Amino acid sequence: SNAGLIKKVMFPAEALPLVVVLSHLVHFALAIPVLLAATGVFAALGKFTITATMLLAPLLMLVQCVFVAGIAMTVSSASVLFRDLRDIVANLMQLGFFVTPVIYLIDNIDSRGLRALLRVNPMTPFVVAYQDLLFFGRIPSVPDIVLILAYSAGSLMLGFFVFDRLRDSLAEAI
């Protein structure tokens, strides 16, 4: 949607997907006061305990932002050349919501094989870490932290690699 900017000689094309990611990070950060208000209400009712681990949530948000930035750079550059990729990604995102333990706990899945399959989803360690920090008052497990860091680093490296490889053809394809 920003074809005129990409065709400019000195414009850094990487800025476009990163601006979208950062604007969504702002929306995500603005949801924190709502979460804190709900937490305060439930704590006042005695149904929830406020813990110090909640203070680590912004750090997790930043690492998740790096992960999403890598995906955004990969998908945005590839979707210029493959126009149907945007529709495929939209459908995969909807499917991804149901295979990510957002509305259920992964520990409540009885089948070990299904639980292992759900762990393959790159968003699972992020969601489990949010659940640990915000709801259970504990630090995420070491394997989850390692996966989070590996997925974030891998995603960012892949994003820059794909974007760099397709950079010359972006302006021509638009």
Foldseek 3Di string as FASTA:
>chain_A
DPLVQLLDDPRDPLVVLLVVLVVVLVVVVVCVVVVVVVQVVCVVVVNADDAPLLVCVVVLSVLVSLLVSLVSLQQVLVCLVVVCSVVVVVVVVVVLVVLAQQPHDLVPDPDPVSSVVSVVRLCNLSNVQCCCRGGVPHGRDPVSVVSSNVSSVVSNVNSVVNCVVSSVCNSVSD
